[in-house]
């Protein structure tokens, strides 16, 4: 479902950036550049409850909570913690990411990767390094060379 949503939104955004004359989320344009099939798919998709769910995924905020020895990056949606990445503070110059969990309904949404990216951004600001013991976090670092400067 998330892949379908990304495909539809990607097409809409490409058209929007090309023409910038959208009316009602790009469902019609002055030049009729959206093919009817795509327009029908978007209309059908936008009239489901699924859109609310996926828009909430797109607009979440990654938060951080830290004590002297432990911490976590997490996402809450409707008061429920739906994703969390925990870490241990190792001295003054390092954190060790030990676990990442995303609830089943949000798996595949990119939320786990965003937790790792937020940890990297904060590590850069603080001038500390990250040790990714968690297999998921380690896979994010292996896929994204631009994040490896904090290792």
N, C-alpha and C. Protein backbone atom coordinates (compact mmCIF):
# COMPACT_ATOMS: atom_id res chain seq x y z
N UNK A 1 0.82 -1.20 0.00
CA UNK A 1 0.00 0.00 0.00
C UNK A 1 0.86 1.26 0.00
N UNK A 2 1.93 1.25 0.79
CA UNK A 2 2.79 2.43 0.86
C UNK A 2 3.45 2.67 -0.50
N UNK A 3 3.85 1.60 -1.19
CA UNK A 3 4.47 1.75 -2.50
C UNK A 3 3.49 2.40 -3.48
N UNK A 4 2.22 1.98 -3.43
CA UNK A 4 1.20 2.56 -4.30
C UNK A 4 1.05 4.06 -4.00
N UNK A 5 1.02 4.39 -2.73
CA UNK A 5 0.90 5.78 -2.33
C UNK A 5 2.09 6.61 -2.83
N UNK A 6 3.31 6.08 -2.63
CA UNK A 6 4.50 6.79 -3.08
C UNK A 6 4.48 7.00 -4.59
N UNK A 7 4.04 6.00 -5.32
CA UNK A 7 3.98 6.10 -6.78
C UNK A 7 3.01 7.20 -7.21
N UNK A 8 1.84 7.19 -6.61
CA UNK A 8 0.82 8.19 -6.98
C UNK A 8 1.28 9.59 -6.60
N UNK A 9 1.76 9.74 -5.37
CA UNK A 9 2.20 11.06 -4.92
C UNK A 9 3.39 11.54 -5.75
N UNK A 10 4.31 10.63 -6.07
CA UNK A 10 5.46 11.00 -6.90
C UNK A 10 5.04 11.54 -8.24
N UNK A 11 4.07 10.88 -8.87
CA UNK A 11 3.58 11.35 -10.17
C UNK A 11 2.90 12.71 -10.05
N UNK A 12 2.11 12.86 -9.01
CA UNK A 12 1.42 14.14 -8.80
C UNK A 12 2.44 15.25 -8.58
N UNK A 13 3.44 15.00 -7.75
CA UNK A 13 4.43 16.03 -7.47
C UNK A 13 5.25 16.39 -8.70
N UNK A 14 5.57 15.41 -9.54
CA UNK A 14 6.30 15.72 -10.78
C UNK A 14 5.48 16.64 -11.67
N UNK A 15 4.20 16.33 -11.79
CA UNK A 15 3.33 17.19 -12.60
C UNK A 15 3.23 18.57 -11.98
N UNK A 16 3.06 18.61 -10.65
CA UNK A 16 2.94 19.88 -9.95
C UNK A 16 4.18 20.73 -10.16
N UNK A 17 5.35 20.14 -10.02
CA UNK A 17 6.58 20.91 -10.18
C UNK A 17 6.77 21.35 -11.62
N UNK A 18 6.24 20.60 -12.56
CA UNK A 18 6.36 20.99 -13.97
C UNK A 18 5.40 22.11 -14.33
N UNK A 19 4.20 22.09 -13.82
CA UNK A 19 3.19 23.05 -14.26
C UNK A 19 2.80 24.10 -13.23
N UNK A 20 2.81 23.74 -11.95
CA UNK A 20 2.48 24.64 -10.86
C UNK A 20 1.12 25.35 -11.00
N UNK A 21 0.20 24.74 -11.71
CA UNK A 21 -1.14 25.34 -11.81
C UNK A 21 -2.20 24.34 -11.36
N UNK A 22 -1.92 23.66 -10.26
CA UNK A 22 -2.83 22.66 -9.73
C UNK A 22 -4.10 23.30 -9.18
N UNK A 23 -5.17 22.58 -9.30
CA UNK A 23 -6.41 22.92 -8.61
C UNK A 23 -6.84 21.66 -7.87
N UNK A 24 -7.11 21.78 -6.59
CA UNK A 24 -7.56 20.66 -5.76
C UNK A 24 -6.61 19.47 -5.86
N UNK A 25 -5.41 19.65 -5.34
CA UNK A 25 -4.40 18.59 -5.27
C UNK A 25 -3.98 18.06 -6.63
N UNK A 26 -4.11 18.88 -7.66
CA UNK A 26 -3.63 18.45 -8.97
C UNK A 26 -4.55 17.52 -9.71
N UNK A 27 -5.76 17.41 -9.29
CA UNK A 27 -6.66 16.50 -9.97
C UNK A 27 -7.13 17.05 -11.30
N UNK A 28 -7.04 18.36 -11.46
CA UNK A 28 -7.31 18.96 -12.76
C UNK A 28 -6.27 20.05 -12.99
N UNK A 29 -5.96 20.28 -14.21
CA UNK A 29 -5.03 21.35 -14.54
C UNK A 29 -5.58 22.10 -15.74
N UNK A 30 -5.07 23.27 -15.93
CA UNK A 30 -5.50 24.04 -17.08
C UNK A 30 -5.17 23.37 -18.40
N UNK A 31 -4.10 22.59 -18.43
CA UNK A 31 -3.68 21.94 -19.67
C UNK A 31 -4.06 20.47 -19.74
N UNK A 32 -4.83 19.97 -18.76
CA UNK A 32 -5.25 18.57 -18.74
C UNK A 32 -4.07 17.62 -18.88
N UNK A 33 -3.00 17.89 -18.18
CA UNK A 33 -1.80 17.08 -18.36
C UNK A 33 -1.82 15.78 -17.58
N UNK A 34 -2.73 15.64 -16.62
CA UNK A 34 -2.84 14.36 -15.93
C UNK A 34 -3.66 13.41 -16.79
N UNK A 35 -3.08 12.27 -17.07
CA UNK A 35 -3.84 11.30 -17.86
C UNK A 35 -5.04 10.83 -17.04
N UNK A 36 -6.14 10.51 -17.68
CA UNK A 36 -7.37 10.15 -16.96
C UNK A 36 -7.17 8.98 -15.99
N UNK A 37 -6.37 8.00 -16.37
CA UNK A 37 -6.15 6.85 -15.50
C UNK A 37 -5.55 7.29 -14.17
N UNK A 38 -4.52 8.12 -14.23
CA UNK A 38 -3.87 8.59 -13.02
C UNK A 38 -4.83 9.44 -12.20
N UNK A 39 -5.57 10.32 -12.86
CA UNK A 39 -6.52 11.17 -12.15
C UNK A 39 -7.54 10.32 -11.41
N UNK A 40 -8.07 9.28 -12.06
CA UNK A 40 -9.05 8.41 -11.41
C UNK A 40 -8.45 7.67 -10.22
N UNK A 41 -7.21 7.22 -10.36
CA UNK A 41 -6.55 6.52 -9.26
C UNK A 41 -6.36 7.44 -8.06
N UNK A 42 -5.97 8.68 -8.31
CA UNK A 42 -5.76 9.63 -7.22
C UNK A 42 -7.08 9.93 -6.53
N UNK A 43 -8.11 10.16 -7.30
CA UNK A 43 -9.42 10.45 -6.72
C UNK A 43 -9.88 9.28 -5.86
N UNK A 44 -9.75 8.06 -6.38
CA UNK A 44 -10.16 6.88 -5.63
C UNK A 44 -9.34 6.75 -4.34
N UNK A 45 -8.05 6.97 -4.44
CA UNK A 45 -7.18 6.83 -3.27
C UNK A 45 -7.47 7.91 -2.24
N UNK A 46 -7.69 9.13 -2.69
CA UNK A 46 -7.93 10.23 -1.76
C UNK A 46 -9.26 10.12 -1.04
N UNK A 47 -10.15 9.30 -1.55
CA UNK A 47 -11.44 9.14 -0.90
C UNK A 47 -11.48 7.90 -0.02
N UNK A 48 -10.35 7.52 0.52
CA UNK A 48 -10.30 6.39 1.46
C UNK A 48 -9.68 6.88 2.76
N UNK A 49 -9.87 6.09 3.79
CA UNK A 49 -9.27 6.42 5.09
C UNK A 49 -7.77 6.19 5.07
N UNK A 50 -7.28 5.43 4.08
CA UNK A 50 -5.85 5.14 4.01
C UNK A 50 -5.03 6.42 3.87
N UNK A 51 -5.55 7.40 3.17
CA UNK A 51 -4.78 8.62 2.93
C UNK A 51 -4.46 9.31 4.26
N UNK A 52 -5.39 9.30 5.20
CA UNK A 52 -5.15 9.91 6.50
C UNK A 52 -4.00 9.21 7.21
N UNK A 53 -3.99 7.90 7.14
CA UNK A 53 -2.93 7.11 7.76
C UNK A 53 -1.57 7.46 7.15
N UNK A 54 -1.46 7.47 5.84
CA UNK A 54 -0.17 7.71 5.21
C UNK A 54 0.27 9.16 5.28
N UNK A 55 -0.67 10.08 5.32
CA UNK A 55 -0.29 11.48 5.52
C UNK A 55 0.25 11.69 6.93
N UNK A 56 -0.28 10.96 7.91
CA UNK A 56 0.25 11.08 9.27
C UNK A 56 1.66 10.55 9.33
N UNK A 57 1.98 9.51 8.56
CA UNK A 57 3.35 8.99 8.51
C UNK A 57 4.28 10.04 7.93
N UNK A 58 3.82 10.74 6.90
CA UNK A 58 4.67 11.72 6.24
C UNK A 58 4.94 12.94 7.12
N UNK A 59 4.07 13.22 8.08
CA UNK A 59 4.19 14.46 8.83
C UNK A 59 4.63 14.25 10.29
N UNK A 60 5.21 13.13 10.58
CA UNK A 60 5.61 12.87 11.96
C UNK A 60 6.88 13.61 12.34
N UNK A 61 7.08 13.74 13.64
CA UNK A 61 8.28 14.40 14.19
C UNK A 61 9.07 13.37 15.00
N UNK A 62 10.36 13.28 14.74
CA UNK A 62 11.23 12.40 15.51
C UNK A 62 11.65 13.14 16.77
N UNK A 63 11.39 12.54 17.92
CA UNK A 63 11.73 13.16 19.20
C UNK A 63 12.87 12.39 19.86
N UNK A 64 13.54 13.05 20.79
CA UNK A 64 14.67 12.44 21.49
C UNK A 64 14.46 12.56 22.99
N UNK A 65 14.79 11.49 23.69
CA UNK A 65 14.72 11.46 25.14
C UNK A 65 16.03 10.84 25.62
N UNK A 66 16.73 11.51 26.55
CA UNK A 66 18.03 11.01 26.98
C UNK A 66 18.24 11.20 28.47
N UNK A 67 18.84 10.19 29.08
CA UNK A 67 19.29 10.31 30.47
C UNK A 67 20.82 10.28 30.47
N UNK A 68 21.43 10.07 31.63
CA UNK A 68 22.90 10.04 31.68
C UNK A 68 23.49 8.86 30.92
N UNK A 69 22.78 7.72 30.91
CA UNK A 69 23.37 6.51 30.32
C UNK A 69 22.58 5.91 29.16
N UNK A 70 21.34 6.29 29.00
CA UNK A 70 20.48 5.71 27.95
C UNK A 70 19.72 6.81 27.24
N UNK A 71 19.23 6.46 26.06
CA UNK A 71 18.42 7.41 25.32
C UNK A 71 17.61 6.71 24.25
N UNK A 72 16.73 7.46 23.62
CA UNK A 72 15.95 6.91 22.51
C UNK A 72 15.50 8.03 21.59
N UNK A 73 15.35 7.67 20.34
CA UNK A 73 14.68 8.50 19.34
C UNK A 73 13.38 7.78 19.08
N UNK A 74 12.29 8.53 18.99
CA UNK A 74 11.00 7.88 18.83
C UNK A 74 10.03 8.76 18.07
N UNK A 75 8.96 8.11 17.62
CA UNK A 75 7.87 8.80 16.92
C UNK A 75 6.57 8.41 17.61
N UNK A 76 5.78 9.41 17.93
CA UNK A 76 4.45 9.18 18.49
C UNK A 76 3.41 9.69 17.51
N UNK A 77 2.42 8.88 17.28
CA UNK A 77 1.29 9.29 16.44
C UNK A 77 0.03 9.02 17.25
N UNK A 78 -0.79 10.03 17.41
CA UNK A 78 -2.01 9.95 18.22
C UNK A 78 -1.72 9.44 19.63
N UNK A 79 -0.62 9.92 20.22
CA UNK A 79 -0.27 9.56 21.58
C UNK A 79 0.32 8.18 21.76
N UNK A 80 0.51 7.46 20.68
CA UNK A 80 1.06 6.10 20.76
C UNK A 80 2.46 6.08 20.15
N UNK A 81 3.41 5.50 20.85
CA UNK A 81 4.78 5.38 20.35
C UNK A 81 4.79 4.27 19.28
N UNK A 82 5.00 4.67 18.02
CA UNK A 82 4.92 3.71 16.92
C UNK A 82 6.29 3.31 16.38
N UNK A 83 7.33 4.03 16.77
CA UNK A 83 8.69 3.68 16.35
C UNK A 83 9.65 4.16 17.42
N UNK A 84 10.70 3.36 17.64
CA UNK A 84 11.69 3.74 18.65
C UNK A 84 13.04 3.12 18.32
N UNK A 85 14.07 3.90 18.52
CA UNK A 85 15.44 3.44 18.39
C UNK A 85 16.13 3.78 19.70
N UNK A 86 16.65 2.77 20.39
CA UNK A 86 17.29 3.00 21.68
C UNK A 86 18.80 2.96 21.54
N UNK A 87 19.45 3.67 22.47
CA UNK A 87 20.91 3.70 22.47
C UNK A 87 21.44 3.86 23.88
N UNK A 88 22.72 3.52 24.03
CA UNK A 88 23.43 3.72 25.28
C UNK A 88 24.44 4.83 25.07
N UNK A 89 24.62 5.64 26.09
CA UNK A 89 25.63 6.70 26.05
C UNK A 89 26.93 6.10 26.54
N UNK A 90 27.96 6.15 25.70
CA UNK A 90 29.26 5.55 26.05
C UNK A 90 30.28 6.67 26.19
N UNK A 91 30.43 7.17 27.39
CA UNK A 91 31.35 8.28 27.61
C UNK A 91 30.76 9.58 27.11
N UNK A 92 31.65 10.51 26.82
CA UNK A 92 31.20 11.83 26.36
C UNK A 92 31.25 11.98 24.85
N UNK A 93 31.77 10.97 24.16
CA UNK A 93 31.99 11.14 22.73
C UNK A 93 31.36 10.07 21.85
N UNK A 94 30.44 9.25 22.40
CA UNK A 94 29.92 8.15 21.61
C UNK A 94 28.56 7.67 22.12
N UNK A 95 27.70 7.26 21.18
CA UNK A 95 26.48 6.53 21.55
C UNK A 95 26.51 5.19 20.81
N UNK A 96 25.84 4.21 21.41
CA UNK A 96 25.77 2.87 20.82
C UNK A 96 24.30 2.56 20.56
N UNK A 97 23.93 2.49 19.29
CA UNK A 97 22.55 2.16 18.93
C UNK A 97 22.38 0.65 19.11
N UNK A 98 21.44 0.26 19.99
CA UNK A 98 21.30 -1.16 20.30
C UNK A 98 20.00 -1.80 19.82
N UNK A 99 18.99 -0.99 19.48
CA UNK A 99 17.72 -1.59 19.06
C UNK A 99 16.87 -0.58 18.29
N UNK A 100 16.20 -1.07 17.27
CA UNK A 100 15.24 -0.25 16.52
C UNK A 100 13.98 -1.07 16.34
N UNK A 101 12.83 -0.45 16.59
CA UNK A 101 11.55 -1.14 16.43
C UNK A 101 10.53 -0.18 15.83
N UNK A 102 9.82 -0.67 14.82
CA UNK A 102 8.73 0.08 14.21
C UNK A 102 7.51 -0.82 14.25
N UNK A 103 6.38 -0.28 14.70
CA UNK A 103 5.17 -1.10 14.78
C UNK A 103 4.77 -1.61 13.39
N UNK A 104 4.09 -2.73 13.39
CA UNK A 104 3.75 -3.41 12.13
C UNK A 104 3.05 -2.50 11.13
N UNK A 105 2.16 -1.67 11.59
CA UNK A 105 1.39 -0.83 10.66
C UNK A 105 2.24 0.23 9.96
N UNK A 106 3.43 0.52 10.48
CA UNK A 106 4.28 1.53 9.87
C UNK A 106 5.56 0.96 9.26
N UNK A 107 5.71 -0.35 9.28
CA UNK A 107 6.89 -0.96 8.66
C UNK A 107 6.90 -0.67 7.18
N UNK A 108 8.07 -0.37 6.67
CA UNK A 108 8.20 -0.07 5.24
C UNK A 108 7.94 1.39 4.91
N UNK A 109 7.62 2.21 5.91
CA UNK A 109 7.29 3.61 5.66
C UNK A 109 8.52 4.50 5.65
N UNK A 110 9.69 3.95 6.03
CA UNK A 110 10.90 4.76 6.11
C UNK A 110 11.10 5.39 7.47
N UNK A 111 10.21 5.08 8.40
CA UNK A 111 10.26 5.69 9.72
C UNK A 111 11.52 5.27 10.48
N UNK A 112 11.91 4.01 10.41
CA UNK A 112 13.11 3.53 11.09
C UNK A 112 14.35 4.22 10.59
N UNK A 113 14.41 4.40 9.28
CA UNK A 113 15.56 5.10 8.69
C UNK A 113 15.62 6.54 9.17
N UNK A 114 14.47 7.18 9.30
CA UNK A 114 14.44 8.56 9.78
C UNK A 114 14.96 8.67 11.21
N UNK A 115 14.72 7.64 12.02
CA UNK A 115 15.25 7.64 13.39
C UNK A 115 16.78 7.65 13.36
N UNK A 116 17.35 6.81 12.50
CA UNK A 116 18.82 6.75 12.38
C UNK A 116 19.36 8.08 11.87
N UNK A 117 18.71 8.65 10.87
CA UNK A 117 19.16 9.92 10.30
C UNK A 117 19.13 11.03 11.35
N UNK A 118 18.10 11.06 12.17
CA UNK A 118 18.02 12.06 13.23
C UNK A 118 19.16 11.88 14.23
N UNK A 119 19.49 10.63 14.56
CA UNK A 119 20.61 10.37 15.46
C UNK A 119 21.91 10.86 14.85
N UNK A 120 22.07 10.66 13.55
CA UNK A 120 23.28 11.13 12.85
C UNK A 120 23.35 12.66 12.89
N UNK A 121 22.23 13.33 12.62
CA UNK A 121 22.21 14.80 12.65
C UNK A 121 22.61 15.32 14.02
N UNK A 122 22.06 14.70 15.06
CA UNK A 122 22.39 15.13 16.43
C UNK A 122 23.84 14.82 16.78
N UNK A 123 24.34 13.68 16.32
CA UNK A 123 25.74 13.32 16.58
C UNK A 123 26.68 14.32 15.93
N UNK A 124 26.35 14.76 14.74
CA UNK A 124 27.17 15.76 14.06
C UNK A 124 27.18 17.07 14.85
N UNK A 125 26.03 17.49 15.33
CA UNK A 125 25.94 18.73 16.10
C UNK A 125 26.76 18.65 17.39
N UNK A 126 26.73 17.49 18.04
CA UNK A 126 27.44 17.31 19.31
C UNK A 126 28.91 16.92 19.12
N UNK A 127 29.27 16.55 17.90
CA UNK A 127 30.65 16.12 17.64
C UNK A 127 30.97 14.76 18.25
N UNK A 128 30.00 13.86 18.26
CA UNK A 128 30.21 12.52 18.81
C UNK A 128 30.09 11.47 17.72
N UNK A 129 30.48 10.24 18.04
CA UNK A 129 30.39 9.16 17.07
C UNK A 129 29.27 8.19 17.45
N UNK A 130 28.91 7.34 16.49
CA UNK A 130 27.85 6.35 16.68
C UNK A 130 28.42 4.97 16.39
N UNK A 131 28.09 4.02 17.26
CA UNK A 131 28.40 2.61 17.03
C UNK A 131 27.07 1.90 16.80
N UNK A 132 26.80 1.44 15.58
CA UNK A 132 25.51 0.80 15.29
C UNK A 132 25.54 -0.72 15.55
N UNK A 133 25.25 -1.14 16.77
CA UNK A 133 25.17 -2.57 17.07
C UNK A 133 23.87 -3.19 16.55
N UNK A 134 22.84 -2.41 16.50
CA UNK A 134 21.55 -2.86 15.99
C UNK A 134 21.68 -3.22 14.50
N UNK A 135 21.23 -4.41 14.09
CA UNK A 135 21.34 -4.80 12.68
C UNK A 135 20.64 -3.84 11.72
N UNK A 136 19.49 -3.31 12.13
CA UNK A 136 18.79 -2.38 11.24
C UNK A 136 19.60 -1.10 11.06
N UNK A 137 20.07 -0.52 12.15
CA UNK A 137 20.86 0.72 12.06
C UNK A 137 22.12 0.47 11.24
N UNK A 138 22.75 -0.68 11.44
CA UNK A 138 23.95 -1.03 10.67
C UNK A 138 23.63 -1.08 9.18
N UNK A 139 22.45 -1.62 8.83
CA UNK A 139 22.07 -1.69 7.41
C UNK A 139 21.83 -0.31 6.81
N UNK A 140 21.29 0.60 7.62
CA UNK A 140 21.09 1.98 7.13
C UNK A 140 22.44 2.62 6.82
N UNK A 141 23.40 2.44 7.69
CA UNK A 141 24.73 3.00 7.45
C UNK A 141 25.39 2.36 6.23
N UNK A 142 25.16 1.08 6.02
CA UNK A 142 25.77 0.42 4.86
C UNK A 142 25.15 0.89 3.55
N UNK A 143 23.88 1.28 3.59
CA UNK A 143 23.19 1.75 2.38
C UNK A 143 23.47 3.22 2.07
N UNK A 144 23.82 4.00 3.08
CA UNK A 144 23.97 5.45 2.92
C UNK A 144 25.37 5.91 3.32
N UNK A 145 26.22 5.99 2.33
CA UNK A 145 27.59 6.40 2.57
C UNK A 145 27.71 7.78 3.21
N UNK A 146 26.77 8.66 2.89
CA UNK A 146 26.82 10.03 3.41
C UNK A 146 26.59 10.11 4.92
N UNK A 147 26.17 9.02 5.53
CA UNK A 147 25.96 9.01 6.99
C UNK A 147 27.16 8.49 7.75
N UNK A 148 28.12 7.93 7.07
CA UNK A 148 29.21 7.21 7.72
C UNK A 148 30.25 8.08 8.40
N UNK A 149 30.17 9.38 8.24
CA UNK A 149 31.17 10.25 8.87
C UNK A 149 31.12 10.24 10.39
N UNK A 150 30.01 9.75 10.95
CA UNK A 150 29.88 9.71 12.41
C UNK A 150 30.27 8.35 12.99
N UNK A 151 30.65 7.42 12.15
CA UNK A 151 31.03 6.09 12.64
C UNK A 151 32.41 6.11 13.27
